[in-house]
Protein backbone atom coordinates (compact mmCIF):
# COMPACT_ATOMS: atom_id res chain seq x y z
CA UNK A 1 18.82 -24.83 28.21
CA UNK A 2 22.05 -24.30 26.34
CA UNK A 3 24.04 -21.07 26.24
CA UNK A 4 22.98 -20.45 22.62
CA UNK A 5 19.30 -20.62 23.56
CA UNK A 6 19.80 -18.25 26.50
CA UNK A 7 21.70 -15.70 24.38
CA UNK A 8 19.10 -15.96 21.64
CA UNK A 9 16.23 -15.51 24.08
CA UNK A 10 17.87 -12.50 25.73
CA UNK A 11 18.53 -10.80 22.38
CA UNK A 12 14.97 -11.36 21.16
CA UNK A 13 13.41 -10.14 24.43
CA UNK A 14 15.63 -7.04 24.65
CA UNK A 15 14.93 -6.26 20.99
CA UNK A 16 11.21 -6.62 21.56
CA UNK A 17 11.41 -4.35 24.62
CA UNK A 18 13.31 -1.68 22.66
CA UNK A 19 10.76 -1.86 19.83
CA UNK A 20 7.93 -1.58 22.37
CA UNK A 21 9.42 1.53 23.95
CA UNK A 22 9.88 3.01 20.46
CA UNK A 23 6.22 2.44 19.65
CA UNK A 24 5.19 4.05 22.94
CA UNK A 25 7.41 7.01 22.04
CA UNK A 26 5.67 7.36 18.69
CA UNK A 27 2.33 7.54 20.47
CA UNK A 28 3.45 9.98 23.17
CA UNK A 29 5.29 12.62 21.14
CA UNK A 30 3.10 15.40 19.83
CA UNK A 31 4.35 16.27 16.35
CA UNK A 32 5.92 14.67 13.30
CA UNK A 33 9.49 15.84 13.82
CA UNK A 34 9.51 14.54 17.40
CA UNK A 35 7.98 11.22 16.36
CA UNK A 36 10.64 10.59 13.72
CA UNK A 37 13.30 9.67 16.29
CA UNK A 38 11.47 6.78 18.00
CA UNK A 39 10.06 5.65 14.66
CA UNK A 40 13.52 5.16 13.17
CA UNK A 41 16.45 4.77 15.56
CA UNK A 42 15.19 2.61 18.45
CA UNK A 43 12.78 0.74 16.20
CA UNK A 44 15.60 -0.26 13.85
CA UNK A 45 17.87 -1.15 16.76
CA UNK A 46 15.17 -3.37 18.28
CA UNK A 47 14.63 -5.06 14.95
CA UNK A 48 18.36 -5.71 14.59
CA UNK A 49 18.47 -7.23 18.08
CA UNK A 50 15.57 -9.55 17.22
CA UNK A 51 17.31 -10.52 13.97
CA UNK A 52 20.54 -11.15 15.90
CA UNK A 53 18.72 -13.40 18.35
CA UNK A 54 17.13 -15.33 15.50
CA UNK A 55 20.51 -15.59 13.77
CA UNK A 56 22.15 -16.96 16.90
CA UNK A 57 19.36 -19.51 17.27
CA UNK A 58 19.58 -20.59 13.61
CA UNK A 59 23.34 -21.10 13.81
CA UNK A 60 24.91 -21.93 10.43
CA UNK A 61 21.61 -22.21 8.58
CA UNK A 62 21.18 -20.66 5.12
CA UNK A 63 18.39 -18.41 6.45
CA UNK A 64 20.89 -16.33 8.44
CA UNK A 65 21.84 -14.65 5.16
CA UNK A 66 18.26 -13.52 4.69
CA UNK A 67 18.24 -12.07 8.22
CA UNK A 68 21.42 -10.13 7.42
CA UNK A 69 19.89 -8.79 4.19
CA UNK A 70 16.69 -7.77 5.99
CA UNK A 71 18.73 -6.00 8.68
CA UNK A 72 20.80 -4.15 6.09
CA UNK A 73 17.63 -3.13 4.27
CA UNK A 74 16.21 -1.71 7.52
CA UNK A 75 19.45 0.16 8.23
CA UNK A 76 19.53 1.67 4.75
CA UNK A 77 15.88 2.63 4.39
CA UNK A 78 14.99 3.98 7.87
CA UNK A 79 17.12 7.16 7.68
CA UNK A 80 15.98 7.88 4.13
CA UNK A 81 12.30 7.55 5.05
CA UNK A 82 12.77 9.72 8.16
CA UNK A 83 14.50 12.42 6.13
CA UNK A 84 11.73 12.47 3.53
CA UNK A 85 8.99 12.59 6.19
CA UNK A 86 10.81 15.41 7.96
CA UNK A 87 11.13 17.38 4.73
CA UNK A 88 7.45 16.95 4.00
CA UNK A 89 6.38 17.97 7.52
CA UNK A 90 8.63 21.02 7.40
CA UNK A 91 7.47 22.00 3.93
CA UNK A 92 3.80 21.72 4.88
CA UNK A 93 4.49 23.62 8.13
CA UNK A 94 3.14 20.81 10.30
CA UNK A 95 6.10 20.97 12.68
CA UNK A 96 6.07 22.49 16.15
CA UNK A 97 7.44 26.04 15.82
CA UNK A 98 9.83 25.49 18.74
CA UNK A 99 11.57 22.68 16.86
CA UNK A 100 12.18 24.62 13.64
CA UNK A 101 13.27 27.95 15.17
CA UNK A 102 16.98 28.73 15.04
CA UNK A 103 18.74 28.99 18.43
CA UNK A 104 19.39 32.73 17.97
CA UNK A 105 15.74 33.65 17.41
CA UNK A 106 13.89 35.17 20.34
CA UNK A 107 10.41 33.68 20.84
CA UNK A 108 7.51 36.07 20.61
CA UNK A 109 4.63 36.21 23.09
CA UNK A 110 2.23 34.27 20.85
CA UNK A 111 4.47 31.18 20.64
């Protein structure tokens, strides 16, 4: 095995592990605002690591440009989608009340 194959394999496996932990986080968190973090940040990072591993493996192939474009598209769209989902959840009051309360508010007994 060459050094390029080892680096490529490590990047793809680490990216897949990060994406797996992000998907587990989406399943384990209880409300929409909490689920937005693992659905966007680690998921996008794992995808970029997988793309990097594929790019290293491809070398100077023309397809590396498509991997770069796909990675840029993921980086641009993930925060926008998360912001829109968060707005919708907040507007429809589907968020956990502890997450939307300001730090100066005192919780009541029913919360």
